[in-house]
């Protein structure tokens, strides 16, 4: 499935339960609200609020085996990451190639879709796999070889997705979204940019699982405080 087709599906889907979660009121203290007014990020323009809500609702959308589009997305992720020309069964050990691991020994990718990041990010970088796991991934099997020390592929993408969504929710990306007059495009690029930064950290410092927490802390700070810097790094990478 293409990115545009996947996006059109979610644009036309009801997503009522997911939207209700997004619209649930938050609880902010008076001091936090005052600090935000004084020195916080700019607010997202009103015309972009609908796209922001759609993105956050998609992040709440659980994988549905009965939904054909969801299954096509899952197959696309598998085929592009493994370079396979063939599809694969919904359940089985073949998902371990991407770092998925089930609770009972079955390798079952039960993820939150967090789309349309799948096909969009995959079109820019060969490695990132968007999506959040419903259950905990273990470090034992969540790795994929990328030419050096085995890389905790799915674990890292899970965390990057969480960071990007949280940055959007906290309006840390409003300045860039306002500048580009879009939300989902910014999210796509920031996910790819953060993954590229992680790849460079891991390769440059010969990273191991023991370094993962430190790298993730740096990434979380960058996605919140320096998203434009990450995006510029991605632009330079793609242009080469």
Protein backbone atom coordinates (compact mmCIF):
# COMPACT_ATOMS: atom_id res chain seq x y z
CA UNK A 1 0.00 0.00 0.00
CA UNK A 2 1.20 3.53 -0.66
CA UNK A 3 1.47 6.27 1.92
CA UNK A 4 -1.21 8.37 0.25
CA UNK A 5 -3.68 5.49 0.12
CA UNK A 6 -3.08 4.62 3.78
CA UNK A 7 -3.57 8.25 4.77
CA UNK A 8 -6.79 8.52 2.76
CA UNK A 9 -8.14 5.48 4.58
CA UNK A 10 -7.64 7.07 7.99
CA UNK A 11 -8.92 10.42 6.81
CA UNK A 12 -12.20 8.77 5.83
CA UNK A 13 -12.40 6.39 8.82
CA UNK A 14 -14.55 7.35 11.80
CA UNK A 15 -11.95 6.70 14.53
CA UNK A 16 -14.49 7.89 17.09
CA UNK A 17 -12.94 6.07 20.07
CA UNK A 18 -9.45 7.26 19.18
CA UNK A 19 -10.60 10.84 18.67
CA UNK A 20 -12.39 10.78 22.02
CA UNK A 21 -9.11 9.89 23.74
CA UNK A 22 -7.32 12.72 21.95
CA UNK A 23 -10.00 15.24 22.94
CA UNK A 24 -9.98 14.23 26.60
CA UNK A 25 -9.08 17.30 28.69
CA UNK A 26 -5.65 17.42 30.27
CA UNK A 27 -4.76 18.70 33.73
CA UNK A 28 -2.28 21.57 33.84
CA UNK A 29 -1.33 23.54 36.88
CA UNK A 30 -1.60 27.33 36.98
CA UNK A 31 2.19 27.74 37.07
CA UNK A 32 2.70 25.41 34.08
CA UNK A 33 0.09 27.32 32.08
CA UNK A 34 1.70 30.66 32.97
CA UNK A 35 5.18 29.49 31.99
CA UNK A 36 3.87 28.23 28.69
CA UNK A 37 2.32 31.60 27.91
CA UNK A 38 5.53 33.41 28.79
CA UNK A 39 8.15 31.29 27.08
CA UNK A 40 6.51 28.20 25.65
CA UNK A 41 6.36 27.18 21.97
CA UNK A 42 3.90 29.00 19.68
CA UNK A 43 0.44 27.54 19.39
CA UNK A 44 -0.53 25.55 16.35
CA UNK A 45 -2.56 27.56 13.85
CA UNK A 46 -6.30 26.83 13.99
CA UNK A 47 -6.40 25.53 10.41
CA UNK A 48 -3.93 22.77 11.37
CA UNK A 49 -5.81 21.55 14.46
CA UNK A 50 -7.83 19.04 12.48
CA UNK A 51 -4.70 17.44 11.04
CA UNK A 52 -3.13 17.35 14.51
CA UNK A 53 -6.18 15.58 15.91
CA UNK A 54 -6.11 13.08 13.04
CA UNK A 55 -2.43 12.29 13.67
CA UNK A 56 -2.99 11.80 17.40
CA UNK A 57 -6.08 9.67 16.73
CA UNK A 58 -4.11 7.44 14.34
CA UNK A 59 -1.52 6.97 17.08
CA UNK A 60 -4.31 5.56 19.27
CA UNK A 61 -5.59 3.20 16.57
CA UNK A 62 -4.91 -0.44 17.40
CA UNK A 63 -4.10 -3.02 14.76
CA UNK A 64 -7.28 -4.78 13.58
CA UNK A 65 -6.88 -8.18 11.92
CA UNK A 66 -10.28 -7.83 10.30
CA UNK A 67 -9.40 -4.53 8.60
CA UNK A 68 -7.95 -5.19 5.14
CA UNK A 69 -6.05 -1.90 4.97
CA UNK A 70 -4.33 -2.64 8.29
CA UNK A 71 -3.18 -5.99 6.96
CA UNK A 72 -1.91 -4.42 3.74
CA UNK A 73 0.10 -1.93 5.79
CA UNK A 74 1.60 -4.75 7.85
CA UNK A 75 2.52 -6.69 4.71
CA UNK A 76 4.10 -3.57 3.19
CA UNK A 77 6.28 -3.07 6.25
CA UNK A 78 7.43 -6.68 6.14
CA UNK A 79 8.13 -6.74 2.41
CA UNK A 80 10.03 -3.47 2.34
CA UNK A 81 12.20 -4.22 5.35
CA UNK A 82 13.03 -7.78 4.30
CA UNK A 83 13.19 -6.93 0.57
CA UNK A 84 10.88 -9.89 -0.01
CA UNK A 85 8.68 -9.98 -3.10
CA UNK A 86 6.22 -12.26 -1.34
CA UNK A 87 3.77 -11.67 1.46
CA UNK A 88 3.82 -13.63 4.68
CA UNK A 89 1.42 -15.28 7.14
CA UNK A 90 -0.11 -13.05 9.80
CA UNK A 91 1.48 -15.12 12.58
CA UNK A 92 4.78 -16.97 12.75
CA UNK A 93 8.47 -16.88 13.50
CA UNK A 94 9.22 -14.90 10.33
CA UNK A 95 8.32 -11.71 12.23
CA UNK A 96 11.42 -12.22 14.35
CA UNK A 97 13.41 -10.88 11.38
CA UNK A 98 12.02 -7.46 12.33
CA UNK A 99 12.48 -7.97 16.05
CA UNK A 100 8.92 -8.84 17.04
CA UNK A 101 8.41 -11.33 19.84
CA UNK A 102 5.13 -12.58 21.33
CA UNK A 103 4.34 -13.43 24.91
CA UNK A 104 3.97 -17.15 24.37
CA UNK A 105 6.78 -17.80 21.96
CA UNK A 106 4.73 -16.82 18.89
CA UNK A 107 6.18 -13.91 16.98
CA UNK A 108 3.12 -11.71 16.61
CA UNK A 109 3.42 -8.04 15.68
CA UNK A 110 0.52 -6.62 17.70
CA UNK A 111 1.21 -2.93 17.36
CA UNK A 112 -0.47 0.41 17.42
CA UNK A 113 -0.34 1.50 13.81
CA UNK A 114 0.86 5.09 14.28
CA UNK A 115 0.27 5.57 10.60
CA UNK A 116 0.86 6.95 8.05
CA UNK A 117 4.48 6.82 9.25
CA UNK A 118 5.01 3.32 7.83
CA UNK A 119 5.13 3.88 4.09
CA UNK A 120 6.21 7.51 4.35
CA UNK A 121 9.29 6.87 6.48
CA UNK A 122 10.16 3.69 4.62
CA UNK A 123 10.27 5.69 1.41
CA UNK A 124 13.03 7.91 2.86
CA UNK A 125 15.20 5.58 4.94
CA UNK A 126 15.68 1.85 4.51
CA UNK A 127 15.51 0.93 8.19
CA UNK A 128 12.88 2.60 10.44
CA UNK A 129 9.78 0.61 11.39
CA UNK A 130 7.09 2.86 12.86
CA UNK A 131 4.54 1.67 15.36
CA UNK A 132 4.14 1.01 19.05
CA UNK A 133 3.91 -2.38 20.67
CA UNK A 134 0.91 -3.13 22.85
CA UNK A 135 3.03 -5.50 24.96
CA UNK A 136 6.65 -5.15 26.01
CA UNK A 137 9.40 -6.11 23.59
CA UNK A 138 12.38 -7.87 25.11
CA UNK A 139 15.89 -6.82 24.19
CA UNK A 140 16.80 -10.46 23.61
CA UNK A 141 15.11 -10.70 20.25
CA UNK A 142 14.46 -7.11 19.23
CA UNK A 143 17.42 -6.57 16.97
CA UNK A 144 18.16 -6.52 13.28
CA UNK A 145 21.62 -6.65 11.65
CA UNK A 146 22.56 -3.44 9.85
CA UNK A 147 26.21 -4.01 9.04
CA UNK A 148 27.62 -3.59 12.56
CA UNK A 149 26.66 -4.53 16.14
CA UNK A 150 23.14 -5.96 16.14
CA UNK A 151 20.82 -2.99 16.34
CA UNK A 152 17.73 -3.02 18.65
CA UNK A 153 15.58 -2.06 15.71
CA UNK A 154 11.98 -2.36 16.89
CA UNK A 155 12.69 -1.20 20.44
CA UNK A 156 14.25 1.99 19.13
CA UNK A 157 11.51 2.70 16.63
CA UNK A 158 8.91 2.17 19.35
CA UNK A 159 10.61 4.80 21.47
CA UNK A 160 11.14 7.26 18.63
CA UNK A 161 7.47 7.07 17.70
CA UNK A 162 6.53 7.79 21.31
CA UNK A 163 8.87 10.80 21.39
CA UNK A 164 7.55 12.29 18.16
CA UNK A 165 3.91 11.87 19.20
CA UNK A 166 4.62 13.40 22.60
CA UNK A 167 6.40 16.35 21.00
CA UNK A 168 3.33 16.97 18.86
CA UNK A 169 0.98 16.62 21.82
CA UNK A 170 3.03 19.18 23.80
CA UNK A 171 3.05 21.52 20.77
CA UNK A 172 6.84 21.37 20.56
CA UNK A 173 6.49 21.06 16.78
CA UNK A 174 4.03 23.91 16.29
CA UNK A 175 6.62 26.33 14.93
CA UNK A 176 7.72 23.90 12.22
CA UNK A 177 4.16 22.79 11.46
CA UNK A 178 3.07 26.42 11.11
CA UNK A 179 6.03 27.18 8.87
CA UNK A 180 5.30 24.25 6.56
CA UNK A 181 1.52 24.50 6.88
CA UNK A 182 1.24 20.77 7.62
CA UNK A 183 1.39 18.39 10.55
CA UNK A 184 1.69 14.83 9.27
CA UNK A 185 4.51 15.69 6.88
CA UNK A 186 6.49 17.16 9.78
CA UNK A 187 5.88 14.05 11.90
CA UNK A 188 7.03 11.78 9.08
CA UNK A 189 10.24 13.71 8.60
CA UNK A 190 10.99 14.06 12.31
CA UNK A 191 10.59 10.30 12.85
CA UNK A 192 13.04 9.63 10.04
CA UNK A 193 15.39 12.37 11.26
CA UNK A 194 15.45 11.02 14.81
CA UNK A 195 16.10 7.51 13.53
CA UNK A 196 18.94 8.80 11.37
CA UNK A 197 20.46 10.56 14.39
CA UNK A 198 20.21 7.36 16.41
CA UNK A 199 21.87 5.36 13.64
CA UNK A 200 24.80 7.79 13.55
CA UNK A 201 25.18 7.75 17.33
CA UNK A 202 25.10 3.97 17.40
CA UNK A 203 27.56 3.53 14.57
CA UNK A 204 29.90 6.35 15.55
CA UNK A 205 30.16 5.27 19.19
CA UNK A 206 30.02 1.53 18.50
CA UNK A 207 26.83 1.35 20.52
CA UNK A 208 25.56 -1.69 22.39
CA UNK A 209 22.37 -2.41 24.32
CA UNK A 210 24.04 -0.87 27.37
CA UNK A 211 24.17 2.49 25.56
CA UNK A 212 20.54 2.45 24.43
CA UNK A 213 19.14 4.39 27.37
CA UNK A 214 21.70 7.18 27.02
CA UNK A 215 21.06 7.51 23.28
CA UNK A 216 17.32 7.62 23.82
CA UNK A 217 17.66 10.42 26.38
CA UNK A 218 19.60 12.48 23.85
CA UNK A 219 17.01 11.78 21.16
CA UNK A 220 14.13 12.75 23.43
CA UNK A 221 15.82 16.05 24.24
CA UNK A 222 16.50 16.71 20.55
CA UNK A 223 12.94 15.98 19.40
CA UNK A 224 11.57 18.41 21.99
CA UNK A 225 14.22 21.14 22.02
CA UNK A 226 15.91 20.92 18.60
CA UNK A 227 13.46 19.45 16.08
CA UNK A 228 14.50 21.88 13.35
CA UNK A 229 18.14 20.85 13.74
CA UNK A 230 17.19 17.20 13.32
CA UNK A 231 15.12 18.00 10.25
CA UNK A 232 17.95 19.93 8.63
CA UNK A 233 20.26 16.95 9.17
CA UNK A 234 17.74 14.72 7.42
CA UNK A 235 17.42 17.15 4.51
CA UNK A 236 21.18 17.10 4.03
CA UNK A 237 21.26 13.30 4.19
CA UNK A 238 18.47 12.88 1.63
CA UNK A 239 20.02 15.43 -0.72
CA UNK A 240 23.21 13.32 -0.83
